Amino acid sequence: MGQLANALGKNIRAQRKAKGLSQDALALACKIDRSYMGRIERGEVNLTVEKLYSIAGVLQCEPGFLLPPVSIGLD
């Protein structure tokens, strides 16, 4: 995947760890398979808006907080 997916995945992982959640716990709360959550965090998949909002809700942050800066997406 691209730089955006990688940066988003890193941001999700950092916020998950800051909240003290395991990958399993986050996946379960978001109703996402744990292996898929791992792929999200590694930047291997593109998220839907619905999944982004679900993850942000569980992490108790705004979805925009998880998004990388616009400059990451510029090639």
PDB file of N, CA and C in Angstrom:
ATOM      1  N   MET A   1       0.840  -1.181   0.000  1.00  0.00           N
ATOM      2  CA  MET A   1       0.000   0.000   0.000  1.00  0.00           C
ATOM      3  C   MET A   1       0.881   1.238   0.000  1.00  0.00           C
ATOM      4  N   GLY A   2       0.237   2.367  -0.024  1.00  0.00           N
ATOM      5  CA  GLY A   2       0.963   3.616  -0.118  1.00  0.00           C
ATOM      6  C   GLY A   2       1.341   4.212   1.222  1.00  0.00           C
ATOM      7  N   GLN A   3       1.949   5.376   1.108  1.00  0.00           N
ATOM      8  CA  GLN A   3       2.411   6.099   2.295  1.00  0.00           C
ATOM      9  C   GLN A   3       1.264   6.457   3.232  1.00  0.00           C
ATOM     10  N   LEU A   4       0.119   6.794   2.665  1.00  0.00           N
ATOM     11  CA  LEU A   4      -1.021   7.168   3.514  1.00  0.00           C
ATOM     12  C   LEU A   4      -1.473   6.013   4.392  1.00  0.00           C
ATOM     13  N   ALA A   5      -1.604   4.836   3.801  1.00  0.00           N
ATOM     14  CA  ALA A   5      -2.034   3.663   4.572  1.00  0.00           C
ATOM     15  C   ALA A   5      -1.009   3.327   5.644  1.00  0.00           C
ATOM     16  N   ASN A   6       0.275   3.434   5.314  1.00  0.00           N
ATOM     17  CA  ASN A   6       1.326   3.166   6.296  1.00  0.00           C
ATOM     18  C   ASN A   6       1.272   4.155   7.451  1.00  0.00           C
ATOM     19  N   ALA A   7       1.138   5.440   7.122  1.00  0.00           N
ATOM     20  CA  ALA A   7       1.106   6.470   8.162  1.00  0.00           C
ATOM     21  C   ALA A   7      -0.145   6.331   9.029  1.00  0.00           C
ATOM     22  N   LEU A   8      -1.276   6.048   8.411  1.00  0.00           N
ATOM     23  CA  LEU A   8      -2.519   5.854   9.165  1.00  0.00           C
ATOM     24  C   LEU A   8      -2.381   4.664  10.110  1.00  0.00           C
ATOM     25  N   GLY A   9      -1.840   3.578   9.610  1.00  0.00           N
ATOM     26  CA  GLY A   9      -1.643   2.396  10.446  1.00  0.00           C
ATOM     27  C   GLY A   9      -0.746   2.668  11.639  1.00  0.00           C
ATOM     28  N   LYS A  10       0.327   3.418  11.421  1.00  0.00           N
ATOM     29  CA  LYS A  10       1.231   3.774  12.521  1.00  0.00           C
ATOM     30  C   LYS A  10       0.518   4.637  13.550  1.00  0.00           C
ATOM     31  N   ASN A  11      -0.314   5.558  13.078  1.00  0.00           N
ATOM     32  CA  ASN A  11      -1.052   6.422  14.002  1.00  0.00           C
ATOM     33  C   ASN A  11      -2.057   5.615  14.825  1.00  0.00           C
ATOM     34  N   ILE A  12      -2.721   4.669  14.185  1.00  0.00           N
ATOM     35  CA  ILE A  12      -3.674   3.825  14.908  1.00  0.00           C
ATOM     36  C   ILE A  12      -2.942   3.001  15.955  1.00  0.00           C
ATOM     37  N   ARG A  13      -1.813   2.409  15.575  1.00  0.00           N
ATOM     38  CA  ARG A  13      -1.036   1.598  16.519  1.00  0.00           C
ATOM     39  C   ARG A  13      -0.576   2.446  17.705  1.00  0.00           C
ATOM     40  N   ALA A  14      -0.071   3.647  17.428  1.00  0.00           N
ATOM     41  CA  ALA A  14       0.419   4.513  18.503  1.00  0.00           C
ATOM     42  C   ALA A  14      -0.707   4.879  19.464  1.00  0.00           C
ATOM     43  N   GLN A  15      -1.878   5.208  18.929  1.00  0.00           N
ATOM     44  CA  GLN A  15      -3.010   5.582  19.779  1.00  0.00           C
ATOM     45  C   GLN A  15      -3.512   4.375  20.565  1.00  0.00           C
ATOM     46  N   ARG A  16      -3.522   3.207  19.931  1.00  0.00           N
ATOM     47  CA  ARG A  16      -3.939   1.984  20.621  1.00  0.00           C
ATOM     48  C   ARG A  16      -3.021   1.711  21.812  1.00  0.00           C
ATOM     49  N   LYS A  17      -1.721   1.814  21.585  1.00  0.00           N
ATOM     50  CA  LYS A  17      -0.760   1.570  22.659  1.00  0.00           C
ATOM     51  C   LYS A  17      -0.871   2.623  23.752  1.00  0.00           C
ATOM     52  N   ALA A  18      -1.111   3.881  23.347  1.00  0.00           N
ATOM     53  CA  ALA A  18      -1.265   4.955  24.331  1.00  0.00           C
ATOM     54  C   ALA A  18      -2.479   4.711  25.227  1.00  0.00           C
ATOM     55  N   LYS A  19      -3.501   4.066  24.674  1.00  0.00           N
ATOM     56  CA  LYS A  19      -4.707   3.745  25.444  1.00  0.00           C
ATOM     57  C   LYS A  19      -4.565   2.442  26.221  1.00  0.00           C
ATOM     58  N   GLY A  20      -3.439   1.748  26.038  1.00  0.00           N
ATOM     59  CA  GLY A  20      -3.201   0.506  26.772  1.00  0.00           C
ATOM     60  C   GLY A  20      -4.007  -0.674  26.269  1.00  0.00           C
ATOM     61  N   LEU A  21      -4.394  -0.642  25.011  1.00  0.00           N
ATOM     62  CA  LEU A  21      -5.190  -1.726  24.437  1.00  0.00           C
ATOM     63  C   LEU A  21      -4.315  -2.679  23.639  1.00  0.00           C
ATOM     64  N   SER A  22      -4.632  -3.946  23.712  1.00  0.00           N
ATOM     65  CA  SER A  22      -3.970  -4.909  22.841  1.00  0.00           C
ATOM     66  C   SER A  22      -4.630  -4.830  21.464  1.00  0.00           C
ATOM     67  N   GLN A  23      -3.930  -5.357  20.485  1.00  0.00           N
ATOM     68  CA  GLN A  23      -4.503  -5.408  19.145  1.00  0.00           C
ATOM     69  C   GLN A  23      -5.770  -6.260  19.148  1.00  0.00           C
ATOM     70  N   ASP A  24      -5.749  -7.342  19.904  1.00  0.00           N
ATOM     71  CA  ASP A  24      -6.931  -8.208  20.018  1.00  0.00           C
ATOM     72  C   ASP A  24      -8.122  -7.448  20.596  1.00  0.00           C
ATOM     73  N   ALA A  25      -7.879  -6.686  21.662  1.00  0.00           N
ATOM     74  CA  ALA A  25      -8.957  -5.950  22.320  1.00  0.00           C
ATOM     75  C   ALA A  25      -9.545  -4.894  21.393  1.00  0.00           C
ATOM     76  N   LEU A  26      -8.681  -4.183  20.668  1.00  0.00           N
ATOM     77  CA  LEU A  26      -9.169  -3.165  19.734  1.00  0.00           C
ATOM     78  C   LEU A  26      -9.988  -3.822  18.627  1.00  0.00           C
ATOM     79  N   ALA A  27      -9.472  -4.893  18.067  1.00  0.00           N
ATOM     80  CA  ALA A  27     -10.186  -5.588  16.997  1.00  0.00           C
ATOM     81  C   ALA A  27     -11.553  -6.076  17.468  1.00  0.00           C
ATOM     82  N   LEU A  28     -11.590  -6.672  18.635  1.00  0.00           N
ATOM     83  CA  LEU A  28     -12.849  -7.178  19.183  1.00  0.00           C
ATOM     84  C   LEU A  28     -13.858  -6.050  19.381  1.00  0.00           C
ATOM     85  N   ALA A  29     -13.406  -4.949  19.958  1.00  0.00           N
ATOM     86  CA  ALA A  29     -14.304  -3.817  20.211  1.00  0.00           C
ATOM     87  C   ALA A  29     -14.821  -3.200  18.912  1.00  0.00           C
ATOM     88  N   CYS A  30     -14.007  -3.267  17.863  1.00  0.00           N
ATOM     89  CA  CYS A  30     -14.398  -2.697  16.560  1.00  0.00           C
ATOM     90  C   CYS A  30     -15.128  -3.707  15.682  1.00  0.00           C
ATOM     91  N   LYS A  31     -15.250  -4.941  16.172  1.00  0.00           N
ATOM     92  CA  LYS A  31     -15.870  -6.012  15.391  1.00  0.00           C
ATOM     93  C   LYS A  31     -15.104  -6.249  14.083  1.00  0.00           C
ATOM     94  N   ILE A  32     -13.760  -6.264  14.226  1.00  0.00           N
ATOM     95  CA  ILE A  32     -12.857  -6.508  13.107  1.00  0.00           C
ATOM     96  C   ILE A  32     -12.010  -7.720  13.484  1.00  0.00           C
ATOM     97  N   ASP A  33     -11.755  -8.586  12.535  1.00  0.00           N
ATOM     98  CA  ASP A  33     -10.877  -9.727  12.792  1.00  0.00           C
ATOM     99  C   ASP A  33      -9.491  -9.230  13.199  1.00  0.00           C
ATOM    100  N   ARG A  34      -8.861  -9.906  14.162  1.00  0.00           N
ATOM    101  CA  ARG A  34      -7.557  -9.483  14.665  1.00  0.00           C
ATOM    102  C   ARG A  34      -6.508  -9.428  13.566  1.00  0.00           C
ATOM    103  N   SER A  35      -6.547 -10.394  12.653  1.00  0.00           N
ATOM    104  CA  SER A  35      -5.556 -10.390  11.576  1.00  0.00           C
ATOM    105  C   SER A  35      -5.762  -9.194  10.646  1.00  0.00           C
ATOM    106  N   TYR A  36      -7.016  -8.797  10.442  1.00  0.00           N
ATOM    107  CA  TYR A  36      -7.299  -7.617   9.626  1.00  0.00           C
ATOM    108  C   TYR A  36      -6.807  -6.361  10.334  1.00  0.00           C
ATOM    109  N   MET A  37      -6.977  -6.303  11.650  1.00  0.00           N
ATOM    110  CA  MET A  37      -6.476  -5.153  12.411  1.00  0.00           C
ATOM    111  C   MET A  37      -4.959  -5.063  12.263  1.00  0.00           C
ATOM    112  N   GLY A  38      -4.293  -6.199  12.288  1.00  0.00           N
ATOM    113  CA  GLY A  38      -2.852  -6.206  12.084  1.00  0.00           C
ATOM    114  C   GLY A  38      -2.477  -5.661  10.721  1.00  0.00           C
ATOM    115  N   ARG A  39      -3.240  -6.044   9.710  1.00  0.00           N
ATOM    116  CA  ARG A  39      -2.988  -5.532   8.353  1.00  0.00           C
ATOM    117  C   ARG A  39      -3.235  -4.037   8.275  1.00  0.00           C
ATOM    118  N   ILE A  40      -4.236  -3.547   8.992  1.00  0.00           N
ATOM    119  CA  ILE A  40      -4.498  -2.102   9.043  1.00  0.00           C
ATOM    120  C   ILE A  40      -3.296  -1.386   9.642  1.00  0.00           C
ATOM    121  N   GLU A  41      -2.828  -1.885  10.776  1.00  0.00           N
ATOM    122  CA  GLU A  41      -1.713  -1.234  11.464  1.00  0.00           C
ATOM    123  C   GLU A  41      -0.415  -1.302  10.666  1.00  0.00           C
ATOM    124  N   ARG A  42      -0.262  -2.305   9.828  1.00  0.00           N
ATOM    125  CA  ARG A  42       0.931  -2.411   8.987  1.00  0.00           C
ATOM    126  C   ARG A  42       0.785  -1.634   7.685  1.00  0.00           C
ATOM    127  N   GLY A  43      -0.386  -1.039   7.459  1.00  0.00           N
ATOM    128  CA  GLY A  43      -0.610  -0.257   6.253  1.00  0.00           C
ATOM    129  C   GLY A  43      -0.821  -1.099   5.011  1.00  0.00           C
ATOM    130  N   GLU A  44      -1.311  -2.307   5.189  1.00  0.00           N
ATOM    131  CA  GLU A  44      -1.496  -3.229   4.074  1.00  0.00           C
ATOM    132  C   GLU A  44      -2.870  -3.144   3.431  1.00  0.00           C
ATOM    133  N   VAL A  45      -3.785  -2.391   4.035  1.00  0.00           N
ATOM    134  CA  VAL A  45      -5.137  -2.261   3.494  1.00  0.00           C
ATOM    135  C   VAL A  45      -5.571  -0.800   3.550  1.00  0.00           C
ATOM    136  N   ASN A  46      -6.522  -0.462   2.692  1.00  0.00           N
ATOM    137  CA  ASN A  46      -7.154   0.854   2.751  1.00  0.00           C
ATOM    138  C   ASN A  46      -8.438   0.717   3.554  1.00  0.00           C
ATOM    139  N   LEU A  47      -8.596   1.582   4.522  1.00  0.00           N
ATOM    140  CA  LEU A  47      -9.783   1.549   5.382  1.00  0.00           C
ATOM    141  C   LEU A  47     -10.973   2.221   4.731  1.00  0.00           C
ATOM    142  N   THR A  48     -12.151   1.734   5.065  1.00  0.00           N
ATOM    143  CA  THR A  48     -13.355   2.469   4.715  1.00  0.00           C
ATOM    144  C   THR A  48     -13.541   3.573   5.762  1.00  0.00           C
ATOM    145  N   VAL A  49     -14.331   4.537   5.443  1.00  0.00           N
ATOM    146  CA  VAL A  49     -14.638   5.612   6.392  1.00  0.00           C
ATOM    147  C   VAL A  49     -15.333   5.030   7.621  1.00  0.00           C
ATOM    148  N   GLU A  50     -16.197   4.059   7.406  1.00  0.00           N
ATOM    149  CA  GLU A  50     -16.914   3.437   8.523  1.00  0.00           C
ATOM    150  C   GLU A  50     -15.947   2.777   9.503  1.00  0.00           C
ATOM    151  N   LYS A  51     -14.953   2.061   8.984  1.00  0.00           N
ATOM    152  CA  LYS A  51     -13.968   1.403   9.853  1.00  0.00           C
ATOM    153  C   LYS A  51     -13.129   2.437  10.592  1.00  0.00           C
ATOM    154  N   LEU A  52     -12.751   3.505   9.909  1.00  0.00           N
ATOM    155  CA  LEU A  52     -11.974   4.561  10.550  1.00  0.00           C
ATOM    156  C   LEU A  52     -12.748   5.157  11.722  1.00  0.00           C
ATOM    157  N   TYR A  53     -14.029   5.437  11.522  1.00  0.00           N
ATOM    158  CA  TYR A  53     -14.858   5.988  12.595  1.00  0.00           C
ATOM    159  C   TYR A  53     -15.036   4.990  13.737  1.00  0.00           C
ATOM    160  N   SER A  54     -15.167   3.730  13.400  1.00  0.00           N
ATOM    161  CA  SER A  54     -15.304   2.697  14.417  1.00  0.00           C
ATOM    162  C   SER A  54     -14.046   2.620  15.277  1.00  0.00           C
ATOM    163  N   ILE A  55     -12.898   2.604  14.630  1.00  0.00           N
ATOM    164  CA  ILE A  55     -11.627   2.543  15.357  1.00  0.00           C
ATOM    165  C   ILE A  55     -11.446   3.785  16.214  1.00  0.00           C
ATOM    166  N   ALA A  56     -11.721   4.954  15.649  1.00  0.00           N
ATOM    167  CA  ALA A  56     -11.581   6.201  16.399  1.00  0.00           C
ATOM    168  C   ALA A  56     -12.521   6.216  17.603  1.00  0.00           C
ATOM    169  N   GLY A  57     -13.724   5.706  17.436  1.00  0.00           N
ATOM    170  CA  GLY A  57     -14.667   5.665  18.544  1.00  0.00           C
ATOM    171  C   GLY A  57     -14.155   4.826  19.700  1.00  0.00           C
ATOM    172  N   VAL A  58     -13.615   3.669  19.381  1.00  0.00           N
ATOM    173  CA  VAL A  58     -13.077   2.793  20.428  1.00  0.00           C
ATOM    174  C   VAL A  58     -11.854   3.439  21.079  1.00  0.00           C
ATOM    175  N   LEU A  59     -11.039   4.127  20.267  1.00  0.00           N
ATOM    176  CA  LEU A  59      -9.844   4.780  20.796  1.00  0.00           C
ATOM    177  C   LEU A  59     -10.149   6.129  21.452  1.00  0.00           C
ATOM    178  N   GLN A  60     -11.417   6.503  21.431  1.00  0.00           N
ATOM    179  CA  GLN A  60     -11.889   7.744  22.057  1.00  0.00           C
ATOM    180  C   GLN A  60     -11.148   8.973  21.540  1.00  0.00           C
ATOM    181  N   CYS A  61     -11.088   9.064  20.205  1.00  0.00           N
ATOM    182  CA  CYS A  61     -10.483  10.240  19.579  1.00  0.00           C
ATOM    183  C   CYS A  61     -11.268  10.561  18.305  1.00  0.00           C
ATOM    184  N   GLU A  62     -11.031  11.719  17.772  1.00  0.00           N
ATOM    185  CA  GLU A  62     -11.651  12.100  16.510  1.00  0.00           C
ATOM    186  C   GLU A  62     -10.956  11.355  15.372  1.00  0.00           C
ATOM    187  N   PRO A  63     -11.689  10.950  14.356  1.00  0.00           N
ATOM    188  CA  PRO A  63     -11.068  10.261  13.229  1.00  0.00           C
ATOM    189  C   PRO A  63      -9.918  11.066  12.615  1.00  0.00           C
ATOM    190  N   GLY A  64     -10.084  12.379  12.557  1.00  0.00           N
ATOM    191  CA  GLY A  64      -9.037  13.235  12.001  1.00  0.00           C
ATOM    192  C   GLY A  64      -7.729  13.165  12.763  1.00  0.00           C
ATOM    193  N   PHE A  65      -7.798  12.837  14.046  1.00  0.00           N
ATOM    194  CA  PHE A  65      -6.598  12.703  14.863  1.00  0.00           C
ATOM    195  C   PHE A  65      -5.724  11.555  14.362  1.00  0.00           C
ATOM    196  N   LEU A  66      -6.344  10.539  13.794  1.00  0.00           N
ATOM    197  CA  LEU A  66      -5.618   9.369  13.304  1.00  0.00           C
ATOM    198  C   LEU A  66      -5.052   9.563  11.902  1.00  0.00           C
ATOM    199  N   LEU A  67      -5.600  10.532  11.176  1.00  0.00           N
ATOM    200  CA  LEU A  67      -5.158  10.752   9.802  1.00  0.00           C
ATOM    201  C   LEU A  67      -3.790  11.426   9.754  1.00  0.00           C
ATOM    202  N   PRO A  68      -2.953  11.010   8.805  1.00  0.00           N
ATOM    203  CA  PRO A  68      -1.647  11.645   8.651  1.00  0.00           C
ATOM    204  C   PRO A  68      -1.800  13.030   8.027  1.00  0.00           C
ATOM    205  N   PRO A  69      -0.762  13.858   8.114  1.00  0.00           N
ATOM    206  CA  PRO A  69      -0.828  15.185   7.501  1.00  0.00           C
ATOM    207  C   PRO A  69      -0.995  15.088   5.979  1.00  0.00           C
ATOM    208  N   VAL A  70      -1.566  16.110   5.397  1.00  0.00           N
ATOM    209  CA  VAL A  70      -1.809  16.140   3.960  1.00  0.00           C
ATOM    210  C   VAL A  70      -0.515  15.934   3.171  1.00  0.00           C
ATOM    211  N   SER A  71       0.587  16.432   3.679  1.00  0.00           N
ATOM    212  CA  SER A  71       1.867  16.335   2.950  1.00  0.00           C
ATOM    213  C   SER A  71       2.292  14.888   2.710  1.00  0.00           C
ATOM    214  N   ILE A  72       1.844  13.953   3.531  1.00  0.00           N
ATOM    215  CA  ILE A  72       2.175  12.532   3.344  1.00  0.00           C
ATOM    216  C   ILE A  72       1.577  12.023   2.039  1.00  0.00           C
ATOM    217  N   GLY A  73       0.391  12.491   1.707  1.00  0.00           N
ATOM    218  CA  GLY A  73      -0.306  11.996   0.530  1.00  0.00           C
ATOM    219  C   GLY A  73       0.121  12.651  -0.771  1.00  0.00           C
ATOM    220  N   LEU A  74       0.948  13.652  -0.696  1.00  0.00           N
ATOM    221  CA  LEU A  74       1.412  14.338  -1.901  1.00  0.00           C
ATOM    222  C   LEU A  74       2.643  13.656  -2.460  1.00  0.00           C
ATOM    223  N   ASP A  75       2.584  13.328  -3.719  1.00  0.00           N
ATOM    224  CA  ASP A  75       3.751  12.673  -4.349  1.00  0.00           C
ATOM    225  C   ASP A  75       4.506  13.639  -5.215  1.00  0.00           C
TER     226      ASP A  75
END
